[in-house]
């Protein structure tokens, strides 16, 4: 394992904030690893839905991102907002103890 990989710890649990373009109903939360879904406000000209919560590992994060892709939602940002010592399935983002700078894709 390289020193870079050890320092990032992306193979373990973490708290994520994902922003997608469009309206996603909160009833999809269970299919998306139990992430909390904050739908856009009706007055927003371009709706952006935010999903926040604990993800057990990169495979689970990939599953969430693949599901969003299959549903046709354009991905805007993916941010790791905290590290977790352990994850309990179905627990919200209240366990995000250690804030980290956002990890977002570069703008094109």
PDB file of N, CA and C in Angstrom:
ATOM      1  N   UNK A   1       0.845  -1.183   0.000  1.00  0.00           N
ATOM      2  CA  UNK A   1       0.000   0.000   0.000  1.00  0.00           C
ATOM      3  C   UNK A   1       0.887   1.242   0.000  1.00  0.00           C
ATOM      4  N   UNK A   2       0.607   2.186  -0.871  1.00  0.00           N
ATOM      5  CA  UNK A   2       1.421   3.398  -0.968  1.00  0.00           C
ATOM      6  C   UNK A   2       1.125   4.335   0.206  1.00  0.00           C
ATOM      7  N   UNK A   3       2.075   5.221   0.555  1.00  0.00           N
ATOM      8  CA  UNK A   3       1.834   6.184   1.642  1.00  0.00           C
ATOM      9  C   UNK A   3       0.646   7.092   1.344  1.00  0.00           C
ATOM     10  N   UNK A   4       0.444   7.417   0.054  1.00  0.00           N
ATOM     11  CA  UNK A   4      -0.694   8.278  -0.296  1.00  0.00           C
ATOM     12  C   UNK A   4      -2.006   7.596   0.049  1.00  0.00           C
ATOM     13  N   UNK A   5      -2.119   6.329  -0.283  1.00  0.00           N
ATOM     14  CA  UNK A   5      -3.358   5.598  -0.010  1.00  0.00           C
ATOM     15  C   UNK A   5      -3.629   5.515   1.488  1.00  0.00           C
ATOM     16  N   UNK A   6      -2.606   5.298   2.291  1.00  0.00           N
ATOM     17  CA  UNK A   6      -2.806   5.223   3.735  1.00  0.00           C
ATOM     18  C   UNK A   6      -3.307   6.556   4.291  1.00  0.00           C
ATOM     19  N   UNK A   7      -2.833   7.656   3.746  1.00  0.00           N
ATOM     20  CA  UNK A   7      -3.199   8.955   4.301  1.00  0.00           C
ATOM     21  C   UNK A   7      -4.623   9.373   3.923  1.00  0.00           C
ATOM     22  N   UNK A   8      -5.165   8.848   2.821  1.00  0.00           N
ATOM     23  CA  UNK A   8      -6.493   9.275   2.412  1.00  0.00           C
ATOM     24  C   UNK A   8      -7.603   8.457   3.045  1.00  0.00           C
ATOM     25  N   UNK A   9      -7.366   7.204   3.338  1.00  0.00           N
ATOM     26  CA  UNK A   9      -8.332   6.337   4.008  1.00  0.00           C
ATOM     27  C   UNK A   9      -9.681   6.255   3.296  1.00  0.00           C
ATOM     28  N   UNK A  10      -9.668   6.188   1.977  1.00  0.00           N
ATOM     29  CA  UNK A  10     -10.919   6.111   1.238  1.00  0.00           C
ATOM     30  C   UNK A  10     -11.479   4.707   1.156  1.00  0.00           C
ATOM     31  N   UNK A  11     -10.783   3.724   1.721  1.00  0.00           N
ATOM     32  CA  UNK A  11     -11.297   2.359   1.663  1.00  0.00           C
ATOM     33  C   UNK A  11     -12.164   2.018   2.868  1.00  0.00           C
ATOM     34  N   UNK A  12     -12.372   2.973   3.751  1.00  0.00           N
ATOM     35  CA  UNK A  12     -13.191   2.741   4.935  1.00  0.00           C
ATOM     36  C   UNK A  12     -14.456   3.590   4.905  1.00  0.00           C
ATOM     37  N   UNK A  13     -15.184   3.583   5.988  1.00  0.00           N
ATOM     38  CA  UNK A  13     -16.435   4.339   6.059  1.00  0.00           C
ATOM     39  C   UNK A  13     -16.204   5.845   6.106  1.00  0.00           C
ATOM     40  N   UNK A  14     -17.183   6.587   5.632  1.00  0.00           N
ATOM     41  CA  UNK A  14     -17.097   8.040   5.659  1.00  0.00           C
ATOM     42  C   UNK A  14     -18.462   8.668   5.455  1.00  0.00           C
ATOM     43  N   UNK A  15     -18.530   9.958   5.717  1.00  0.00           N
ATOM     44  CA  UNK A  15     -19.749  10.729   5.494  1.00  0.00           C
ATOM     45  C   UNK A  15     -19.591  11.484   4.182  1.00  0.00           C
ATOM     46  N   UNK A  16     -20.638  11.449   3.372  1.00  0.00           N
ATOM     47  CA  UNK A  16     -20.587  12.078   2.060  1.00  0.00           C
ATOM     48  C   UNK A  16     -21.768  13.003   1.840  1.00  0.00           C
ATOM     49  N   UNK A  17     -21.529  14.017   1.009  1.00  0.00           N
ATOM     50  CA  UNK A  17     -22.583  14.903   0.521  1.00  0.00           C
ATOM     51  C   UNK A  17     -22.509  14.838  -1.005  1.00  0.00           C
ATOM     52  N   UNK A  18     -23.610  14.435  -1.617  1.00  0.00           N
ATOM     53  CA  UNK A  18     -23.683  14.287  -3.067  1.00  0.00           C
ATOM     54  C   UNK A  18     -24.763  15.237  -3.574  1.00  0.00           C
ATOM     55  N   UNK A  19     -24.429  16.017  -4.584  1.00  0.00           N
ATOM     56  CA  UNK A  19     -25.405  16.937  -5.186  1.00  0.00           C
ATOM     57  C   UNK A  19     -25.671  16.484  -6.613  1.00  0.00           C
ATOM     58  N   UNK A  20     -26.952  16.389  -6.954  1.00  0.00           N
ATOM     59  CA  UNK A  20     -27.359  15.991  -8.299  1.00  0.00           C
ATOM     60  C   UNK A  20     -28.311  17.037  -8.864  1.00  0.00           C
ATOM     61  N   UNK A  21     -28.339  17.120 -10.171  1.00  0.00           N
ATOM     62  CA  UNK A  21     -29.277  18.031 -10.816  1.00  0.00           C
ATOM     63  C   UNK A  21     -30.605  17.317 -10.971  1.00  0.00           C
ATOM     64  N   UNK A  22     -31.667  17.958 -10.544  1.00  0.00           N
ATOM     65  CA  UNK A  22     -32.994  17.379 -10.666  1.00  0.00           C
ATOM     66  C   UNK A  22     -33.661  17.156  -9.325  1.00  0.00           C
ATOM     67  N   UNK A  23     -34.860  16.623  -9.392  1.00  0.00           N
ATOM     68  CA  UNK A  23     -35.701  16.401  -8.219  1.00  0.00           C
ATOM     69  C   UNK A  23     -35.736  14.915  -7.899  1.00  0.00           C
ATOM     70  N   UNK A  24     -35.242  14.535  -6.731  1.00  0.00           N
ATOM     71  CA  UNK A  24     -35.273  13.146  -6.279  1.00  0.00           C
ATOM     72  C   UNK A  24     -36.105  13.084  -5.006  1.00  0.00           C
ATOM     73  N   UNK A  25     -37.146  12.289  -5.032  1.00  0.00           N
ATOM     74  CA  UNK A  25     -38.041  12.165  -3.886  1.00  0.00           C
ATOM     75  C   UNK A  25     -37.332  11.439  -2.741  1.00  0.00           C
ATOM     76  N   UNK A  26     -37.544  11.882  -1.491  1.00  0.00           N
ATOM     77  CA  UNK A  26     -36.926  11.235  -0.332  1.00  0.00           C
ATOM     78  C   UNK A  26     -37.273   9.752  -0.178  1.00  0.00           C
ATOM     79  N   UNK A  27     -38.323   9.265  -0.841  1.00  0.00           N
ATOM     80  CA  UNK A  27     -38.676   7.846  -0.716  1.00  0.00           C
ATOM     81  C   UNK A  27     -37.594   6.933  -1.312  1.00  0.00           C
ATOM     82  N   UNK A  28     -36.650   7.477  -2.082  1.00  0.00           N
ATOM     83  CA  UNK A  28     -35.562   6.691  -2.670  1.00  0.00           C
ATOM     84  C   UNK A  28     -34.397   6.477  -1.693  1.00  0.00           C
ATOM     85  N   UNK A  29     -34.480   7.000  -0.506  1.00  0.00           N
ATOM     86  CA  UNK A  29     -33.386   6.932   0.455  1.00  0.00           C
ATOM     87  C   UNK A  29     -32.902   5.506   0.715  1.00  0.00           C
ATOM     88  N   UNK A  30     -33.810   4.581   0.921  1.00  0.00           N
ATOM     89  CA  UNK A  30     -33.404   3.207   1.239  1.00  0.00           C
ATOM     90  C   UNK A  30     -32.615   2.570   0.092  1.00  0.00           C
ATOM     91  N   UNK A  31     -33.014   2.831  -1.126  1.00  0.00           N
ATOM     92  CA  UNK A  31     -32.286   2.274  -2.274  1.00  0.00           C
ATOM     93  C   UNK A  31     -30.885   2.886  -2.402  1.00  0.00           C
ATOM     94  N   UNK A  32     -30.708   4.073  -1.866  1.00  0.00           N
ATOM     95  CA  UNK A  32     -29.440   4.793  -1.968  1.00  0.00           C
ATOM     96  C   UNK A  32     -28.681   4.749  -0.640  1.00  0.00           C
ATOM     97  N   UNK A  33     -28.523   3.567  -0.083  1.00  0.00           N
ATOM     98  CA  UNK A  33     -27.740   3.312   1.141  1.00  0.00           C
ATOM     99  C   UNK A  33     -28.218   4.092   2.352  1.00  0.00           C
ATOM    100  N   UNK A  34     -29.482   4.469   2.382  1.00  0.00           N
ATOM    101  CA  UNK A  34     -30.027   5.173   3.540  1.00  0.00           C
ATOM    102  C   UNK A  34     -29.609   6.627   3.638  1.00  0.00           C
ATOM    103  N   UNK A  35     -29.055   7.187   2.567  1.00  0.00           N
ATOM    104  CA  UNK A  35     -28.660   8.595   2.609  1.00  0.00           C
ATOM    105  C   UNK A  35     -29.888   9.485   2.775  1.00  0.00           C
ATOM    106  N   UNK A  36     -29.739  10.547   3.549  1.00  0.00           N
ATOM    107  CA  UNK A  36     -30.813  11.529   3.705  1.00  0.00           C
ATOM    108  C   UNK A  36     -30.922  12.317   2.406  1.00  0.00           C
ATOM    109  N   UNK A  37     -32.130  12.494   1.909  1.00  0.00           N
ATOM    110  CA  UNK A  37     -32.357  13.200   0.649  1.00  0.00           C
ATOM    111  C   UNK A  37     -33.063  14.513   0.942  1.00  0.00           C
ATOM    112  N   UNK A  38     -32.403  15.603   0.585  1.00  0.00           N
ATOM    113  CA  UNK A  38     -32.942  16.946   0.766  1.00  0.00           C
ATOM    114  C   UNK A  38     -33.355  17.466  -0.609  1.00  0.00           C
ATOM    115  N   UNK A  39     -34.663  17.403  -0.931  1.00  0.00           N
ATOM    116  CA  UNK A  39     -35.097  17.849  -2.257  1.00  0.00           C
ATOM    117  C   UNK A  39     -34.934  19.355  -2.416  1.00  0.00           C
ATOM    118  N   UNK A  40     -34.882  19.820  -3.666  1.00  0.00           N
ATOM    119  CA  UNK A  40     -34.727  21.257  -3.907  1.00  0.00           C
ATOM    120  C   UNK A  40     -35.957  22.038  -3.492  1.00  0.00           C
ATOM    121  N   UNK A  41     -35.755  23.329  -3.289  1.00  0.00           N
ATOM    122  CA  UNK A  41     -36.857  24.225  -2.973  1.00  0.00           C
ATOM    123  C   UNK A  41     -37.637  24.505  -4.254  1.00  0.00           C
ATOM    124  N   UNK A  42     -38.962  24.615  -4.174  1.00  0.00           N
ATOM    125  CA  UNK A  42     -39.765  24.859  -5.378  1.00  0.00           C
ATOM    126  C   UNK A  42     -39.379  26.123  -6.141  1.00  0.00           C
ATOM    127  N   UNK A  43     -38.839  27.120  -5.467  1.00  0.00           N
ATOM    128  CA  UNK A  43     -38.512  28.389  -6.118  1.00  0.00           C
ATOM    129  C   UNK A  43     -37.192  28.351  -6.887  1.00  0.00           C
ATOM    130  N   UNK A  44     -36.390  27.294  -6.721  1.00  0.00           N
ATOM    131  CA  UNK A  44     -35.099  27.218  -7.408  1.00  0.00           C
ATOM    132  C   UNK A  44     -35.313  27.074  -8.912  1.00  0.00           C
ATOM    133  N   UNK A  45     -34.608  27.901  -9.721  1.00  0.00           N
ATOM    134  CA  UNK A  45     -34.787  27.815 -11.167  1.00  0.00           C
ATOM    135  C   UNK A  45     -34.281  26.490 -11.749  1.00  0.00           C
ATOM    136  N   UNK A  46     -33.160  25.984 -11.232  1.00  0.00           N
ATOM    137  CA  UNK A  46     -32.647  24.685 -11.640  1.00  0.00           C
ATOM    138  C   UNK A  46     -32.551  23.826 -10.381  1.00  0.00           C
ATOM    139  N   UNK A  47     -33.414  22.825 -10.250  1.00  0.00           N
ATOM    140  CA  UNK A  47     -33.445  22.041  -9.016  1.00  0.00           C
ATOM    141  C   UNK A  47     -32.166  21.241  -8.796  1.00  0.00           C
ATOM    142  N   UNK A  48     -31.680  21.284  -7.559  1.00  0.00           N
ATOM    143  CA  UNK A  48     -30.517  20.509  -7.136  1.00  0.00           C
ATOM    144  C   UNK A  48     -30.904  19.766  -5.866  1.00  0.00           C
ATOM    145  N   UNK A  49     -30.794  18.434  -5.904  1.00  0.00           N
ATOM    146  CA  UNK A  49     -31.086  17.596  -4.740  1.00  0.00           C
ATOM    147  C   UNK A  49     -29.781  17.249  -4.054  1.00  0.00           C
ATOM    148  N   UNK A  50     -29.782  17.281  -2.721  1.00  0.00           N
ATOM    149  CA  UNK A  50     -28.594  16.950  -1.934  1.00  0.00           C
ATOM    150  C   UNK A  50     -28.851  15.669  -1.158  1.00  0.00           C
ATOM    151  N   UNK A  51     -27.907  14.725  -1.248  1.00  0.00           N
ATOM    152  CA  UNK A  51     -27.943  13.478  -0.489  1.00  0.00           C
ATOM    153  C   UNK A  51     -26.784  13.517   0.492  1.00  0.00           C
ATOM    154  N   UNK A  52     -27.049  13.214   1.767  1.00  0.00           N
ATOM    155  CA  UNK A  52     -26.021  13.290   2.793  1.00  0.00           C
ATOM    156  C   UNK A  52     -26.132  12.089   3.724  1.00  0.00           C
ATOM    157  N   UNK A  53     -24.978  11.555   4.125  1.00  0.00           N
ATOM    158  CA  UNK A  53     -24.999  10.497   5.122  1.00  0.00           C
ATOM    159  C   UNK A  53     -23.784   9.603   5.082  1.00  0.00           C
ATOM    160  N   UNK A  54     -23.865   8.534   5.855  1.00  0.00           N
ATOM    161  CA  UNK A  54     -22.766   7.593   6.029  1.00  0.00           C
ATOM    162  C   UNK A  54     -22.739   6.579   4.887  1.00  0.00           C
ATOM    163  N   UNK A  55     -21.538   6.296   4.404  1.00  0.00           N
ATOM    164  CA  UNK A  55     -21.331   5.275   3.391  1.00  0.00           C
ATOM    165  C   UNK A  55     -20.252   4.335   3.931  1.00  0.00           C
ATOM    166  N   UNK A  56     -20.505   3.022   3.849  1.00  0.00           N
ATOM    167  CA  UNK A  56     -19.607   2.057   4.491  1.00  0.00           C
ATOM    168  C   UNK A  56     -18.236   1.970   3.853  1.00  0.00           C
ATOM    169  N   UNK A  57     -18.141   2.108   2.529  1.00  0.00           N
ATOM    170  CA  UNK A  57     -16.856   2.024   1.835  1.00  0.00           C
ATOM    171  C   UNK A  57     -17.024   2.497   0.399  1.00  0.00           C
ATOM    172  N   UNK A  58     -15.953   2.416  -0.379  1.00  0.00           N
ATOM    173  CA  UNK A  58     -15.998   2.892  -1.757  1.00  0.00           C
ATOM    174  C   UNK A  58     -16.945   2.070  -2.624  1.00  0.00           C
ATOM    175  N   UNK A  59     -17.079   0.789  -2.338  1.00  0.00           N
ATOM    176  CA  UNK A  59     -18.007  -0.044  -3.106  1.00  0.00           C
ATOM    177  C   UNK A  59     -19.445   0.437  -2.906  1.00  0.00           C
ATOM    178  N   UNK A  60     -19.799   0.783  -1.681  1.00  0.00           N
ATOM    179  CA  UNK A  60     -21.148   1.298  -1.405  1.00  0.00           C
ATOM    180  C   UNK A  60     -21.346   2.656  -2.070  1.00  0.00           C
ATOM    181  N   UNK A  61     -20.314   3.508  -2.029  1.00  0.00           N
ATOM    182  CA  UNK A  61     -20.409   4.807  -2.692  1.00  0.00           C
ATOM    183  C   UNK A  61     -20.593   4.610  -4.196  1.00  0.00           C
ATOM    184  N   UNK A  62     -19.836   3.690  -4.765  1.00  0.00           N
ATOM    185  CA  UNK A  62     -19.969   3.395  -6.193  1.00  0.00           C
ATOM    186  C   UNK A  62     -21.384   2.907  -6.513  1.00  0.00           C
ATOM    187  N   UNK A  63     -21.962   2.103  -5.644  1.00  0.00           N
ATOM    188  CA  UNK A  63     -23.330   1.636  -5.838  1.00  0.00           C
ATOM    189  C   UNK A  63     -24.328   2.779  -5.858  1.00  0.00           C
ATOM    190  N   UNK A  64     -24.151   3.740  -4.952  1.00  0.00           N
ATOM    191  CA  UNK A  64     -25.038   4.911  -4.920  1.00  0.00           C
ATOM    192  C   UNK A  64     -24.886   5.714  -6.212  1.00  0.00           C
ATOM    193  N   UNK A  65     -23.644   5.965  -6.608  1.00  0.00           N
ATOM    194  CA  UNK A  65     -23.398   6.754  -7.817  1.00  0.00           C
ATOM    195  C   UNK A  65     -23.929   6.041  -9.061  1.00  0.00           C
ATOM    196  N   UNK A  66     -23.770   4.718  -9.120  1.00  0.00           N
ATOM    197  CA  UNK A  66     -24.310   3.956 -10.248  1.00  0.00           C
ATOM    198  C   UNK A  66     -25.835   4.028 -10.286  1.00  0.00           C
ATOM    199  N   UNK A  67     -26.473   3.942  -9.132  1.00  0.00           N
ATOM    200  CA  UNK A  67     -27.938   4.038  -9.081  1.00  0.00           C
ATOM    201  C   UNK A  67     -28.414   5.395  -9.584  1.00  0.00           C
ATOM    202  N   UNK A  68     -27.729   6.460  -9.160  1.00  0.00           N
ATOM    203  CA  UNK A  68     -28.096   7.802  -9.622  1.00  0.00           C
ATOM    204  C   UNK A  68     -27.907   7.921 -11.131  1.00  0.00           C
ATOM    205  N   UNK A  69     -26.832   7.335 -11.644  1.00  0.00           N
ATOM    206  CA  UNK A  69     -26.582   7.351 -13.088  1.00  0.00           C
ATOM    207  C   UNK A  69     -27.688   6.603 -13.832  1.00  0.00           C
ATOM    208  N   UNK A  70     -28.053   5.418 -13.320  1.00  0.00           N
ATOM    209  CA  UNK A  70     -29.100   4.616 -13.956  1.00  0.00           C
ATOM    210  C   UNK A  70     -30.449   5.333 -13.947  1.00  0.00           C
ATOM    211  N   UNK A  71     -30.677   6.183 -12.942  1.00  0.00           N
ATOM    212  CA  UNK A  71     -31.925   6.941 -12.872  1.00  0.00           C
ATOM    213  C   UNK A  71     -31.872   8.201 -13.730  1.00  0.00           C
ATOM    214  N   UNK A  72     -30.716   8.498 -14.314  1.00  0.00           N
ATOM    215  CA  UNK A  72     -30.590   9.623 -15.230  1.00  0.00           C
ATOM    216  C   UNK A  72     -30.290  10.965 -14.593  1.00  0.00           C
ATOM    217  N   UNK A  73     -29.770  10.976 -13.358  1.00  0.00           N
ATOM    218  CA  UNK A  73     -29.467  12.244 -12.693  1.00  0.00           C
ATOM    219  C   UNK A  73     -28.035  12.679 -12.982  1.00  0.00           C
ATOM    220  N   UNK A  74     -27.844  13.895 -13.501  1.00  0.00           N
ATOM    221  CA  UNK A  74     -26.486  14.411 -13.678  1.00  0.00           C
ATOM    222  C   UNK A  74     -25.840  14.669 -12.311  1.00  0.00           C
ATOM    223  N   UNK A  75     -24.631  14.183 -12.122  1.00  0.00           N
ATOM    224  CA  UNK A  75     -23.885  14.346 -10.882  1.00  0.00           C
ATOM    225  C   UNK A  75     -23.193  15.701 -10.892  1.00  0.00           C
ATOM    226  N   UNK A  76     -23.400  16.494  -9.841  1.00  0.00           N
ATOM    227  CA  UNK A  76     -22.773  17.814  -9.749  1.00  0.00           C
ATOM    228  C   UNK A  76     -21.526  17.784  -8.871  1.00  0.00           C
ATOM    229  N   UNK A  77     -21.643  17.243  -7.644  1.00  0.00           N
ATOM    230  CA  UNK A  77     -20.484  17.154  -6.749  1.00  0.00           C
ATOM    231  C   UNK A  77     -20.599  15.919  -5.867  1.00  0.00           C
ATOM    232  N   UNK A  78     -19.444  15.436  -5.435  1.00  0.00           N
ATOM    233  CA  UNK A  78     -19.350  14.402  -4.409  1.00  0.00           C
ATOM    234  C   UNK A  78     -18.314  14.914  -3.413  1.00  0.00           C
ATOM    235  N   UNK A  79     -18.725  15.088  -2.160  1.00  0.00           N
ATOM    236  CA  UNK A  79     -17.830  15.610  -1.130  1.00  0.00           C
ATOM    237  C   UNK A  79     -17.726  14.612   0.017  1.00  0.00           C
ATOM    238  N   UNK A  80     -16.521  14.332   0.445  1.00  0.00           N
ATOM    239  CA  UNK A  80     -16.345  13.565   1.672  1.00  0.00           C
ATOM    240  C   UNK A  80     -16.286  14.595   2.790  1.00  0.00           C
ATOM    241  N   UNK A  81     -17.264  14.573   3.675  1.00  0.00           N
ATOM    242  CA  UNK A  81     -17.367  15.616   4.693  1.00  0.00           C
ATOM    243  C   UNK A  81     -16.960  15.136   6.072  1.00  0.00           C
ATOM    244  N   UNK A  82     -16.604  13.850   6.210  1.00  0.00           N
ATOM    245  CA  UNK A  82     -16.154  13.354   7.496  1.00  0.00           C
ATOM    246  C   UNK A  82     -15.728  11.910   7.420  1.00  0.00           C
ATOM    247  N   UNK A  83     -14.862  11.520   8.354  1.00  0.00           N
ATOM    248  CA  UNK A  83     -14.424  10.137   8.483  1.00  0.00           C
ATOM    249  C   UNK A  83     -15.173   9.494   9.636  1.00  0.00           C
ATOM    250  N   UNK A  84     -15.404   8.203   9.533  1.00  0.00           N
ATOM    251  CA  UNK A  84     -16.122   7.478  10.581  1.00  0.00           C
ATOM    252  C   UNK A  84     -15.247   6.369  11.143  1.00  0.00           C
ATOM    253  N   UNK A  85     -15.247   6.188  12.455  1.00  0.00           N
ATOM    254  CA  UNK A  85     -14.526   5.050  13.016  1.00  0.00           C
ATOM    255  C   UNK A  85     -15.234   3.743  12.687  1.00  0.00           C
ATOM    256  N   UNK A  86     -16.546   3.778  12.602  1.00  0.00           N
ATOM    257  CA  UNK A  86     -17.354   2.607  12.244  1.00  0.00           C
ATOM    258  C   UNK A  86     -18.697   3.115  11.757  1.00  0.00           C
ATOM    259  N   UNK A  87     -19.355   2.307  10.953  1.00  0.00           N
ATOM    260  CA  UNK A  87     -20.642   2.720  10.404  1.00  0.00           C
ATOM    261  C   UNK A  87     -21.719   1.755  10.846  1.00  0.00           C
ATOM    262  N   UNK A  88     -22.822   2.308  11.300  1.00  0.00           N
ATOM    263  CA  UNK A  88     -24.000   1.527  11.602  1.00  0.00           C
ATOM    264  C   UNK A  88     -24.994   1.767  10.493  1.00  0.00           C
ATOM    265  N   UNK A  89     -25.397   0.723   9.763  1.00  0.00           N
ATOM    266  CA  UNK A  89     -26.326   0.934   8.653  1.00  0.00           C
ATOM    267  C   UNK A  89     -27.579   1.675   9.094  1.00  0.00           C
ATOM    268  N   UNK A  90     -27.999   2.612   8.260  1.00  0.00           N
ATOM    269  CA  UNK A  90     -29.217   3.354   8.528  1.00  0.00           C
ATOM    270  C   UNK A  90     -29.037   4.554   9.432  1.00  0.00           C
ATOM    271  N   UNK A  91     -27.814   4.824   9.877  1.00  0.00           N
ATOM    272  CA  UNK A  91     -27.575   5.972  10.740  1.00  0.00           C
ATOM    273  C   UNK A  91     -27.327   7.182   9.858  1.00  0.00           C
ATOM    274  N   UNK A  92     -27.921   8.312  10.204  1.00  0.00           N
ATOM    275  CA  UNK A  92     -27.789   9.522   9.396  1.00  0.00           C
ATOM    276  C   UNK A  92     -26.423  10.158   9.520  1.00  0.00           C
ATOM    277  N   UNK A  93     -26.303  11.380   9.020  1.00  0.00           N
ATOM    278  CA  UNK A  93     -25.013  12.041   8.978  1.00  0.00           C
ATOM    279  C   UNK A  93     -24.619  12.666  10.310  1.00  0.00           C
ATOM    280  N   UNK A  94     -25.339  12.374  11.405  1.00  0.00           N
ATOM    281  CA  UNK A  94     -24.981  12.913  12.704  1.00  0.00           C
ATOM    282  C   UNK A  94     -23.677  12.322  13.225  1.00  0.00           C
ATOM    283  N   UNK A  95     -23.159  11.253  12.607  1.00  0.00           N
ATOM    284  CA  UNK A  95     -21.900  10.658  13.020  1.00  0.00           C
ATOM    285  C   UNK A  95     -20.710  11.249  12.287  1.00  0.00           C
ATOM    286  N   UNK A  96     -20.932  12.227  11.448  1.00  0.00           N
ATOM    287  CA  UNK A  96     -19.837  12.869  10.716  1.00  0.00           C
ATOM    288  C   UNK A  96     -19.108  13.785  11.684  1.00  0.00           C
ATOM    289  N   UNK A  97     -18.076  13.263  12.332  1.00  0.00           N
ATOM    290  CA  UNK A  97     -17.397  13.998  13.385  1.00  0.00           C
ATOM    291  C   UNK A  97     -16.253  14.880  12.895  1.00  0.00           C
ATOM    292  N   UNK A  98     -15.498  14.426  11.918  1.00  0.00           N
ATOM    293  CA  UNK A  98     -14.309  15.138  11.500  1.00  0.00           C
ATOM    294  C   UNK A  98     -14.529  15.783  10.147  1.00  0.00           C
ATOM    295  N   UNK A  99     -14.721  17.098  10.109  1.00  0.00           N
ATOM    296  CA  UNK A  99     -14.929  17.733   8.811  1.00  0.00           C
ATOM    297  C   UNK A  99     -13.644  17.722   7.996  1.00  0.00           C
ATOM    298  N   UNK A 100     -13.794  17.589   6.692  1.00  0.00           N
ATOM    299  CA  UNK A 100     -12.681  17.598   5.761  1.00  0.00           C
ATOM    300  C   UNK A 100     -13.012  18.551   4.638  1.00  0.00           C
ATOM    301  N   UNK A 101     -11.988  19.055   3.933  1.00  0.00           N
ATOM    302  CA  UNK A 101     -12.292  19.899   2.786  1.00  0.00           C
ATOM    303  C   UNK A 101     -13.038  19.096   1.732  1.00  0.00           C
ATOM    304  N   UNK A 102     -13.959  19.738   0.997  1.00  0.00           N
ATOM    305  CA  UNK A 102     -14.725  19.008   0.001  1.00  0.00           C
ATOM    306  C   UNK A 102     -13.845  18.443  -1.099  1.00  0.00           C
ATOM    307  N   UNK A 103     -14.202  17.243  -1.568  1.00  0.00           N
ATOM    308  CA  UNK A 103     -13.529  16.625  -2.691  1.00  0.00           C
ATOM    309  C   UNK A 103     -14.506  16.695  -3.857  1.00  0.00           C
ATOM    310  N   UNK A 104     -14.264  17.601  -4.769  1.00  0.00           N
ATOM    311  CA  UNK A 104     -15.170  17.778  -5.885  1.00  0.00           C
ATOM    312  C   UNK A 104     -14.419  17.589  -7.184  1.00  0.00           C
ATOM    313  N   UNK A 105     -15.142  17.236  -8.194  1.00  0.00           N
ATOM    314  CA  UNK A 105     -14.544  17.085  -9.512  1.00  0.00           C
ATOM    315  C   UNK A 105     -14.183  18.473 -10.039  1.00  0.00           C
ATOM    316  N   UNK A 106     -13.077  18.575 -10.774  1.00  0.00           N
ATOM    317  CA  UNK A 106     -12.705  19.883 -11.328  1.00  0.00           C
ATOM    318  C   UNK A 106     -13.745  20.377 -12.335  1.00  0.00           C
ATOM    319  N   UNK A 107     -13.899  21.680 -12.380  1.00  0.00           N
ATOM    320  CA  UNK A 107     -14.843  22.292 -13.339  1.00  0.00           C
ATOM    321  C   UNK A 107     -14.285  22.198 -14.737  1.00  0.00           C
ATOM    322  N   UNK A 108     -15.209  22.031 -15.673  1.00  0.00           N
ATOM    323  CA  UNK A 108     -14.762  21.991 -17.080  1.00  0.00           C
ATOM    324  C   UNK A 108     -15.167  23.251 -17.779  1.00  0.00           C
TER     325      UNK A 108
END
